[in-house]
Amino acid sequence: SHHQGVEFRAAADPVLYINNPPGVDRGDRRELLDALGELAASQHAASNDAEVLSRVSQYEMAYRMQASVPEIADISSEPESVLQLYGPDVHKPGTFARNCLIARRLAERGVKYQTLFAMGWDHHLAIKQSFPVRCQEIDQPAAGLVQDLKQRGLLEDTIILWTTEFGRMPSSQGGKGRDHNPYVFTNWLCGGGIRGGTTYGHSDEWGYKPLDRDRPTQVYDIHATILHLLGIDHTKLTFRSNGIDRRLTDVHGHVIDELLA
């Protein structure tokens, strides 16, 4: 329960079933929960199975975490000067701009890990029309999030990784878009422990494959670098699978020292 993610919905209720349904008042809900508690206690007494109480504790922890979501998602207390950092879309629930602002509010409250998604980048078609729209949706909110975190003193303790699952081919796909390129794509990082203003890695002149094909920068290297900044030795972070110890960074990952402040 401590580490399970909570997905926010774009609708009026970011998390479902936090409030009582229509027709059920607090008293009725309290009686129901008390009855469930008695059933759990009875089952534990009969079975002496610690998992019963552990499961109840997990549900209670999950509720306490999720019950704070409505307050976090309510941005009505944010001053106009802050809203302007994120652009006009911040007023629309579910937009990337609104999600960036909520990310800052979550960071203020000590949430350790967050994932934001910007959809609609698979431009096999209509790239000339769609690409500028996608950029407009994310450019100002992303910059606003970094600026907002920095002016509140939160950026030095926050690592932002801006990434994708693959790049796009340098060549045109049917004259209307770009196909997937798994060999070259761009990430940017900023925040705690990252050296600002640094460019690392090179592609060939076409942006098709890494210039140094014998030692390309890999996702494993990004993982190793972030783990290092979190104070974790990636070579010792292992999990047991199929009878052997494996690492998140496999045998390929190396800390990118050039990115460290």
Protein backbone atom coordinates (compact mmCIF):
# COMPACT_ATOMS: atom_id res chain seq x y z
CA SER A 1 0.00 0.00 0.00
CA HIS A 2 2.88 2.37 0.69
CA HIS A 3 4.20 2.05 -2.86
CA GLN A 4 1.15 1.20 -4.99
CA GLY A 5 0.43 3.91 -7.54
CA VAL A 6 -2.86 5.83 -7.68
CA GLU A 7 -4.14 6.79 -11.11
CA PHE A 8 -5.90 10.16 -11.35
CA ARG A 9 -8.91 10.42 -13.65
CA ALA A 10 -9.49 13.52 -15.77
CA ALA A 11 -13.16 13.70 -14.74
CA ALA A 12 -14.69 15.55 -11.79
CA ASP A 13 -13.66 12.83 -9.32
CA PRO A 14 -9.92 12.11 -9.78
CA VAL A 15 -10.31 8.91 -7.73
CA LEU A 16 -13.60 7.03 -7.61
CA TYR A 17 -15.49 5.93 -4.51
CA ILE A 18 -13.86 8.33 -2.06
CA ASN A 19 -17.20 9.87 -1.13
CA ASN A 20 -20.37 8.08 -0.12
CA PRO A 21 -22.71 7.24 -3.02
CA PRO A 22 -26.07 9.06 -3.30
CA GLY A 23 -28.51 7.90 -0.66
CA VAL A 24 -25.86 6.64 1.77
CA ASP A 25 -25.11 8.94 4.69
CA ARG A 26 -22.10 8.91 7.02
CA GLY A 27 -23.96 6.95 9.69
CA ASP A 28 -24.91 4.14 7.32
CA ARG A 29 -21.38 3.93 5.96
CA ARG A 30 -19.95 3.85 9.48
CA GLU A 31 -22.19 0.94 10.44
CA LEU A 32 -21.14 -0.94 7.29
CA LEU A 33 -17.44 -0.40 7.96
CA ASP A 34 -17.81 -1.43 11.61
CA ALA A 35 -19.56 -4.62 10.52
CA LEU A 36 -16.76 -5.39 8.06
CA GLY A 37 -14.23 -4.79 10.83
CA GLU A 38 -16.02 -7.27 13.08
CA LEU A 39 -16.07 -9.87 10.29
CA ALA A 40 -12.34 -9.42 9.71
CA ALA A 41 -11.61 -9.74 13.43
CA SER A 42 -13.78 -12.86 13.62
CA GLN A 43 -11.99 -14.42 10.66
CA HIS A 44 -8.60 -13.64 12.18
CA ALA A 45 -9.63 -15.17 15.50
CA ALA A 46 -10.81 -18.33 13.74
CA SER A 47 -7.84 -18.74 11.41
CA ASN A 48 -5.04 -16.97 13.29
CA ASP A 49 -3.87 -15.87 9.84
CA ALA A 50 -1.83 -12.66 10.02
CA GLU A 51 -2.65 -11.96 6.38
CA VAL A 52 -6.23 -11.06 7.34
CA LEU A 53 -5.19 -8.11 9.47
CA SER A 54 -2.44 -7.22 7.01
CA ARG A 55 -4.97 -6.98 4.19
CA VAL A 56 -7.25 -4.75 6.28
CA SER A 57 -4.29 -2.51 7.11
CA GLN A 58 -3.42 -2.25 3.41
CA TYR A 59 -6.94 -1.17 2.48
CA GLU A 60 -6.98 1.42 5.25
CA MET A 61 -3.61 2.80 4.16
CA ALA A 62 -4.79 2.99 0.55
CA TYR A 63 -7.90 4.92 1.59
CA ARG A 64 -5.94 7.41 3.67
CA MET A 65 -3.68 8.05 0.68
CA GLN A 66 -6.55 8.42 -1.79
CA ALA A 67 -8.72 10.52 0.51
CA SER A 68 -6.24 13.39 0.16
CA VAL A 69 -6.64 13.49 -3.63
CA PRO A 70 -9.68 15.83 -3.89
CA GLU A 71 -7.85 18.57 -1.99
CA ILE A 72 -4.73 18.14 -4.12
CA ALA A 73 -6.72 18.27 -7.36
CA ASP A 74 -8.54 21.46 -6.32
CA ILE A 75 -6.44 24.31 -7.75
CA SER A 76 -8.84 27.11 -6.78
CA SER A 77 -6.38 28.42 -4.18
CA GLU A 78 -3.57 28.87 -6.71
CA PRO A 79 -2.85 32.55 -7.52
CA GLU A 80 -3.22 33.75 -11.09
CA SER A 81 0.53 34.36 -11.35
CA VAL A 82 1.15 30.65 -10.81
CA LEU A 83 -1.58 29.54 -13.21
CA GLN A 84 -0.05 31.71 -15.91
CA LEU A 85 3.21 29.76 -15.65
CA TYR A 86 1.46 26.68 -16.98
CA GLY A 87 -0.49 28.30 -19.79
CA PRO A 88 -4.21 28.59 -20.61
CA ASP A 89 -4.86 24.83 -20.65
CA VAL A 90 -4.25 24.69 -16.89
CA HIS A 91 -7.91 25.64 -16.41
CA LYS A 92 -9.05 22.43 -18.15
CA PRO A 93 -9.11 19.21 -16.09
CA GLY A 94 -7.18 16.35 -17.63
CA THR A 95 -4.87 18.50 -19.75
CA PHE A 96 -1.12 18.14 -19.55
CA ALA A 97 -0.89 21.67 -18.15
CA ARG A 98 -3.28 20.84 -15.30
CA ASN A 99 -1.39 17.63 -14.60
CA CYS A 100 1.90 19.52 -14.36
CA LEU A 101 0.41 21.85 -11.76
CA ILE A 102 -1.00 18.91 -9.81
CA ALA A 103 2.45 17.31 -9.97
CA ARG A 104 3.91 20.33 -8.20
CA ARG A 105 1.17 20.16 -5.56
CA LEU A 106 1.93 16.47 -5.03
CA ALA A 107 5.65 17.20 -4.70
CA GLU A 108 4.88 19.82 -2.05
CA ARG A 109 3.06 17.16 -0.06
CA GLY A 110 5.91 14.69 -0.18
CA VAL A 111 4.81 12.32 -2.95
CA LYS A 112 8.03 10.58 -3.95
CA TYR A 113 7.29 9.37 -7.47
CA GLN A 114 4.98 10.67 -10.17
CA THR A 115 4.39 9.85 -13.83
CA LEU A 116 2.82 12.29 -16.29
CA PHE A 117 1.73 11.21 -19.76
CA ALA A 118 1.43 13.35 -22.88
CA MET A 119 -0.39 11.31 -25.49
CA GLY A 120 -0.81 11.58 -29.23
CA TRP A 121 2.79 11.59 -30.50
CA ASP A 122 2.64 8.57 -32.82
CA HIS A 123 2.84 10.66 -35.98
CA HIS A 124 2.77 8.15 -38.81
CA LEU A 125 0.36 10.52 -40.53
CA ALA A 126 -0.36 14.26 -40.59
CA ILE A 127 2.83 15.16 -38.76
CA LYS A 128 2.91 18.71 -40.15
CA GLN A 129 -0.52 19.41 -38.71
CA SER A 130 -0.30 17.44 -35.45
CA PHE A 131 3.25 18.02 -34.26
CA PRO A 132 2.90 21.79 -33.60
CA VAL A 133 -0.30 21.14 -31.65
CA ARG A 134 1.37 18.55 -29.42
CA CYS A 135 4.33 20.88 -28.80
CA GLN A 136 2.00 23.71 -27.84
CA GLU A 137 0.31 21.43 -25.32
CA ILE A 138 3.49 20.54 -23.45
CA ASP A 139 6.16 23.23 -23.94
CA GLN A 140 4.84 25.92 -21.61
CA PRO A 141 3.51 23.55 -18.94
CA ALA A 142 6.85 21.70 -18.79
CA ALA A 143 8.80 24.93 -18.45
CA GLY A 144 6.26 26.20 -15.94
CA LEU A 145 6.65 23.12 -13.77
CA VAL A 146 10.43 23.49 -13.67
CA GLN A 147 10.17 27.21 -12.88
CA ASP A 148 7.50 26.67 -10.22
CA LEU A 149 9.52 23.96 -8.48
CA LYS A 150 12.65 26.10 -8.60
CA GLN A 151 11.06 29.22 -7.16
CA ARG A 152 9.68 27.16 -4.26
CA GLY A 153 13.04 25.54 -3.50
CA LEU A 154 11.77 22.10 -4.52
CA LEU A 155 13.80 21.54 -7.69
CA GLU A 156 17.06 20.83 -5.88
CA ASP A 157 15.39 17.82 -4.23
CA THR A 158 13.45 16.70 -7.32
CA ILE A 159 14.70 14.83 -10.38
CA ILE A 160 12.70 15.35 -13.56
CA LEU A 161 13.19 12.83 -16.37
CA TRP A 162 11.53 13.80 -19.63
CA THR A 163 11.58 10.81 -21.91
CA THR A 164 9.86 8.73 -24.55
CA GLU A 165 9.79 5.09 -25.58
CA PHE A 166 11.51 5.69 -28.93
CA GLY A 167 12.36 8.38 -31.45
CA ARG A 168 11.22 9.00 -35.01
CA MET A 169 12.99 8.17 -38.23
CA PRO A 170 14.81 11.01 -40.02
CA SER A 171 13.18 9.93 -43.28
CA SER A 172 9.61 10.59 -44.29
CA GLN A 173 6.99 7.85 -44.08
CA GLY A 174 4.87 8.12 -47.20
CA GLY A 175 5.33 11.87 -47.25
CA LYS A 176 2.94 12.29 -44.32
CA GLY A 177 4.72 11.21 -41.13
CA ARG A 178 7.66 9.49 -39.48
CA ASP A 179 8.08 5.85 -38.47
CA HIS A 180 9.56 4.61 -35.17
CA ASN A 181 13.30 4.90 -34.54
CA PRO A 182 14.46 2.70 -31.64
CA TYR A 183 18.11 3.71 -32.06
CA VAL A 184 18.14 7.46 -31.40
CA PHE A 185 15.90 9.64 -29.27
CA THR A 186 16.24 12.46 -26.80
CA ASN A 187 15.78 12.65 -23.03
CA TRP A 188 16.28 15.63 -20.81
CA LEU A 189 16.87 15.69 -17.10
CA CYS A 190 16.99 18.47 -14.55
CA GLY A 191 16.80 19.00 -10.83
CA GLY A 192 18.55 17.37 -7.91
CA GLY A 193 22.14 16.55 -8.72
CA ILE A 194 21.89 17.07 -12.49
CA ARG A 195 24.43 19.35 -14.17
CA GLY A 196 22.47 21.97 -16.07
CA GLY A 197 23.29 23.05 -19.60
CA THR A 198 24.94 19.76 -20.52
CA THR A 199 24.47 17.82 -23.74
CA TYR A 200 25.57 14.20 -23.71
CA GLY A 201 25.62 11.67 -26.54
CA HIS A 202 25.76 12.05 -30.31
CA SER A 203 23.90 10.64 -33.25
CA ASP A 204 25.16 10.28 -36.79
CA GLU A 205 24.57 13.17 -39.18
CA TRP A 206 21.13 11.83 -40.07
CA GLY A 207 19.88 11.31 -36.53
CA TYR A 208 19.39 7.65 -37.36
CA LYS A 209 21.84 5.75 -35.13
CA PRO A 210 24.30 6.59 -32.33
CA LEU A 211 27.61 7.95 -33.53
CA ASP A 212 29.49 5.62 -31.18
CA ARG A 213 27.79 2.34 -31.97
CA ASP A 214 30.15 0.35 -29.75
CA ARG A 215 29.14 2.34 -26.66
CA PRO A 216 25.75 3.97 -27.17
CA THR A 217 23.93 5.61 -24.28
CA GLN A 218 21.18 3.24 -23.20
CA VAL A 219 18.14 3.32 -20.96
CA TYR A 220 20.19 1.26 -18.51
CA ASP A 221 22.57 4.21 -18.17
CA ILE A 222 19.71 6.59 -17.39
CA HIS A 223 18.46 4.19 -14.72
CA ALA A 224 21.94 3.81 -13.23
CA THR A 225 22.43 7.59 -13.11
CA ILE A 226 19.09 8.28 -11.43
CA LEU A 227 19.65 5.51 -8.90
CA HIS A 228 23.07 6.99 -8.13
CA LEU A 229 21.49 10.39 -7.50
CA LEU A 230 19.02 8.70 -5.15
CA GLY A 231 21.93 7.24 -3.20
CA ILE A 232 21.45 3.68 -4.50
CA ASP A 233 24.27 1.56 -5.91
CA HIS A 234 22.65 0.11 -9.01
CA THR A 235 25.03 -2.85 -9.05
CA LYS A 236 23.66 -3.99 -5.68
CA LEU A 237 19.97 -3.42 -6.44
CA THR A 238 18.98 -6.95 -7.41
CA PHE A 239 15.88 -9.11 -7.59
CA ARG A 240 15.61 -12.88 -7.76
CA SER A 241 14.25 -14.30 -11.02
CA ASN A 242 14.49 -17.83 -12.41
CA GLY A 243 17.06 -18.79 -9.83
CA ILE A 244 19.52 -15.94 -10.43
CA ASP A 245 19.97 -12.39 -9.18
CA ARG A 246 19.15 -9.77 -11.79
CA ARG A 247 19.66 -6.02 -11.87
CA LEU A 248 17.39 -3.27 -13.13
CA THR A 249 20.39 -1.98 -15.07
CA ASP A 250 21.34 -5.48 -16.32
CA VAL A 251 25.08 -5.75 -17.06
CA HIS A 252 25.06 -2.78 -19.42
CA GLY A 253 24.21 0.17 -17.18
CA HIS A 254 26.81 2.76 -16.17
CA VAL A 255 26.44 6.01 -14.25
CA ILE A 256 26.83 8.94 -16.66
CA ASP A 257 29.31 11.02 -14.67
CA GLU A 258 29.15 13.88 -17.18
CA LEU A 259 25.56 14.56 -16.11
CA LEU A 260 26.35 14.88 -12.40
CA ALA A 261 26.63 18.33 -10.84
